[in-house]
Amino acid sequence: MTKLKNDGVTRKRADEGSDHFRFHRRHEHLFPVFGNDWFALKAEQFARFFGTPVFLIAQTVIVIGWILINETGLTKFDVYPFILLNLAFSLQAAYAAPLILLAETRQADRDKAHAEADALHREELAQDSVVRSTYAAQQTEVVLDLLQKNTELTEIVRTLSTRIEALTAEVHKSVLGK
């Protein structure tokens, strides 16, 4: 990482591999709200799986197969009105709802931590912007002062040049006797 030095302030160049998540690091302890144990991670993965096309298609195929097997007479373990199938759906819903809530709660906590880190980052950027604006104003004052001094020096040089020209003309006139 290249460091730039400007008037005693060392700054890191942002485009050379800076850590983009450095403002989020202080919130890492919030990510495992329910722990990073096996159950919490698997529960979250399972809850996320519920909304995938793979799950929906697989569930549809299983339900259609279940109904076809029982209606065609291949087996009679769950005949119409499919009480066992309804029980399986109820069991699935009983576990799916808390798992989905767990995943949403964990995601909400992560989103909150990221939002706080982003707000802190924006505040830091605003403070840096104020510092840069103040520094730019100071530099502008210095440049204006230098420009004023340069103008004064140019005026002095012009006056001296005029006097030298007049003296040269006088000396020339004295030497040549005209």
Protein backbone atom coordinates (compact mmCIF):
# COMPACT_ATOMS: atom_id res chain seq x y z
CA MET A 1 0.00 0.00 0.00
CA THR A 2 1.43 3.34 -1.03
CA LYS A 3 1.47 6.10 1.54
CA LEU A 4 1.30 9.69 0.42
CA LYS A 5 2.85 12.44 2.52
CA ASN A 6 1.39 15.92 2.28
CA ASP A 7 2.38 18.62 4.78
CA GLY A 8 3.21 16.11 7.50
CA VAL A 9 0.01 14.08 7.05
CA THR A 10 0.50 10.52 5.88
CA ARG A 11 -2.44 9.09 3.94
CA LYS A 12 -2.99 5.69 2.37
CA ARG A 13 -3.93 5.61 -1.25
CA ALA A 14 -7.47 4.18 -1.48
CA ASP A 15 -7.06 2.49 -4.86
CA GLU A 16 -4.29 0.15 -3.78
CA GLY A 17 -5.92 -2.77 -1.97
CA SER A 18 -7.45 -1.00 1.01
CA ASP A 19 -9.66 -2.96 3.39
CA HIS A 20 -13.18 -2.04 2.23
CA PHE A 21 -14.78 -3.59 5.31
CA ARG A 22 -12.58 -1.84 7.88
CA PHE A 23 -15.56 0.13 9.20
CA HIS A 24 -17.59 -3.06 9.61
CA ARG A 25 -14.93 -4.95 11.61
CA ARG A 26 -15.96 -3.39 14.91
CA HIS A 27 -19.44 -4.89 14.45
CA GLU A 28 -18.36 -8.46 13.74
CA HIS A 29 -19.42 -9.50 17.22
CA LEU A 30 -23.04 -8.81 16.21
CA PHE A 31 -23.06 -11.24 13.31
CA PRO A 32 -23.43 -14.41 15.42
CA VAL A 33 -26.48 -13.18 17.37
CA PHE A 34 -27.66 -16.74 17.90
CA GLY A 35 -24.15 -18.05 17.89
CA ASN A 36 -22.05 -19.56 15.17
CA ASP A 37 -22.71 -23.04 16.44
CA TRP A 38 -23.76 -25.84 14.16
CA PHE A 39 -27.48 -25.49 14.86
CA ALA A 40 -27.67 -21.75 14.22
CA LEU A 41 -25.75 -21.97 10.95
CA LYS A 42 -27.70 -25.00 9.69
CA ALA A 43 -31.02 -23.47 10.74
CA GLU A 44 -30.23 -20.34 8.79
CA GLN A 45 -29.14 -22.33 5.73
CA PHE A 46 -32.30 -24.41 5.91
CA ALA A 47 -34.50 -21.32 6.26
CA ARG A 48 -32.82 -19.77 3.23
CA PHE A 49 -33.36 -23.02 1.30
CA PHE A 50 -37.17 -22.75 1.78
CA GLY A 51 -37.40 -19.92 -0.74
CA THR A 52 -35.39 -21.53 -3.51
CA PRO A 53 -36.88 -22.94 -6.72
CA VAL A 54 -35.23 -26.30 -5.95
CA PHE A 55 -37.22 -26.62 -2.71
CA LEU A 56 -40.50 -25.55 -4.31
CA ILE A 57 -40.11 -27.91 -7.27
CA ALA A 58 -39.02 -30.81 -5.06
CA GLN A 59 -41.96 -30.26 -2.70
CA THR A 60 -44.38 -30.09 -5.62
CA VAL A 61 -43.01 -33.33 -7.10
CA ILE A 62 -43.27 -35.09 -3.72
CA VAL A 63 -46.87 -33.93 -3.16
CA ILE A 64 -47.94 -34.92 -6.67
CA GLY A 65 -46.19 -38.28 -6.28
CA TRP A 66 -47.79 -38.79 -2.85
CA ILE A 67 -51.26 -38.10 -4.21
CA LEU A 68 -50.74 -40.21 -7.36
CA ILE A 69 -49.40 -43.20 -5.42
CA ASN A 70 -52.38 -43.12 -3.04
CA GLU A 71 -55.04 -42.41 -5.69
CA THR A 72 -53.87 -45.00 -8.24
CA GLY A 73 -53.96 -47.72 -5.62
CA LEU A 74 -50.25 -48.54 -5.58
CA THR A 75 -50.48 -48.10 -1.83
CA LYS A 76 -53.15 -46.96 0.60
CA PHE A 77 -51.06 -45.53 3.48
CA ASP A 78 -52.70 -42.07 3.17
CA VAL A 79 -56.01 -42.15 1.32
CA TYR A 80 -58.12 -39.14 0.52
CA PRO A 81 -58.43 -36.61 2.38
CA PHE A 82 -54.65 -37.14 2.87
CA ILE A 83 -54.52 -36.64 6.62
CA LEU A 84 -50.87 -37.75 6.81
CA LEU A 85 -49.92 -35.28 4.05
CA ASN A 86 -51.68 -32.48 5.96
CA LEU A 87 -49.84 -33.53 9.11
CA ALA A 88 -46.53 -33.42 7.21
CA PHE A 89 -47.34 -29.89 5.97
CA SER A 90 -48.27 -28.80 9.50
CA LEU A 91 -45.02 -30.22 10.85
CA GLN A 92 -43.07 -28.49 8.10
CA ALA A 93 -44.83 -25.18 8.84
CA ALA A 94 -44.23 -25.58 12.57
CA TYR A 95 -40.47 -25.81 11.96
CA ALA A 96 -40.25 -23.50 8.96
CA ALA A 97 -41.76 -20.43 10.64
CA PRO A 98 -39.29 -20.26 13.56
CA LEU A 99 -36.36 -21.04 11.27
CA ILE A 100 -37.37 -18.29 8.87
CA LEU A 101 -37.82 -15.87 11.77
CA LEU A 102 -34.39 -16.83 13.09
CA ALA A 103 -32.81 -16.18 9.69
CA GLU A 104 -34.63 -12.85 9.35
CA THR A 105 -33.57 -11.77 12.84
CA ARG A 106 -29.94 -12.63 12.15
CA GLN A 107 -30.09 -10.76 8.83
CA ALA A 108 -31.76 -7.75 10.46
CA ASP A 109 -28.97 -7.59 13.05
CA ARG A 110 -26.34 -7.80 10.31
CA ASP A 111 -28.12 -5.08 8.32
CA LYS A 112 -28.29 -2.86 11.41
CA ALA A 113 -24.58 -3.33 12.09
CA HIS A 114 -23.74 -2.55 8.45
CA ALA A 115 -25.98 0.53 8.50
CA GLU A 116 -24.28 1.78 11.66
CA ALA A 117 -20.83 1.15 10.17
CA ASP A 118 -21.87 2.94 6.98
CA ALA A 119 -23.19 5.90 9.00
CA LEU A 120 -19.91 6.09 10.92
CA HIS A 121 -18.01 5.91 7.65
CA ARG A 122 -20.11 8.70 6.12
CA GLU A 123 -19.53 10.81 9.25
CA GLU A 124 -15.79 10.21 8.99
CA LEU A 125 -15.89 11.16 5.31
CA ALA A 126 -17.79 14.35 6.17
CA GLN A 127 -15.22 15.24 8.83
CA ASP A 128 -12.39 14.54 6.38
CA SER A 129 -14.15 16.72 3.83
CA VAL A 130 -14.34 19.58 6.34
CA VAL A 131 -10.64 19.15 7.11
CA ARG A 132 -9.81 19.16 3.39
CA SER A 133 -12.00 22.24 2.81
CA THR A 134 -10.30 24.05 5.67
CA TYR A 135 -6.88 23.06 4.34
CA ALA A 136 -7.88 24.20 0.83
CA ALA A 137 -9.10 27.54 2.23
CA GLN A 138 -5.81 27.99 4.08
CA GLN A 139 -3.84 27.14 0.96
CA THR A 140 -5.97 29.57 -1.05
CA GLU A 141 -5.17 32.32 1.46
CA VAL A 142 -1.46 31.48 1.20
CA VAL A 143 -1.62 31.59 -2.60
CA LEU A 144 -3.48 34.91 -2.53
CA ASP A 145 -0.91 36.32 -0.10
CA LEU A 146 1.93 35.10 -2.32
CA LEU A 147 0.18 36.53 -5.36
CA GLN A 148 -0.18 39.89 -3.59
CA LYS A 149 3.52 39.83 -2.64
CA ASN A 150 4.41 38.87 -6.22
CA THR A 151 2.36 41.79 -7.50
CA GLU A 152 4.12 44.15 -5.07
CA LEU A 153 7.53 42.79 -6.11
CA THR A 154 6.61 43.16 -9.78
CA GLU A 155 5.58 46.74 -9.11
CA ILE A 156 8.89 47.41 -7.30
CA VAL A 157 10.84 45.80 -10.17
CA ARG A 158 8.92 47.97 -12.67
CA THR A 159 9.66 51.11 -10.65
CA LEU A 160 13.33 50.17 -10.32
CA SER A 161 13.52 49.35 -14.03
CA THR A 162 12.05 52.76 -14.84
CA ARG A 163 14.56 54.45 -12.55
CA ILE A 164 17.45 52.43 -14.02
CA GLU A 165 16.29 53.39 -17.50
CA ALA A 166 16.14 57.05 -16.47
CA LEU A 167 19.58 56.86 -14.81
CA THR A 168 21.02 55.07 -17.84
CA ALA A 169 19.64 57.81 -20.09
CA GLU A 170 21.16 60.47 -17.80
CA VAL A 171 24.54 58.69 -17.69
CA HIS A 172 24.39 58.21 -21.44
CA LYS A 173 23.62 61.90 -21.89
CA SER A 174 26.49 62.89 -19.54
CA VAL A 175 29.01 60.64 -21.21
CA LEU A 176 28.12 61.59 -24.72
CA GLY A 177 27.71 65.21 -23.79
CA LYS A 178 24.51 65.79 -25.60
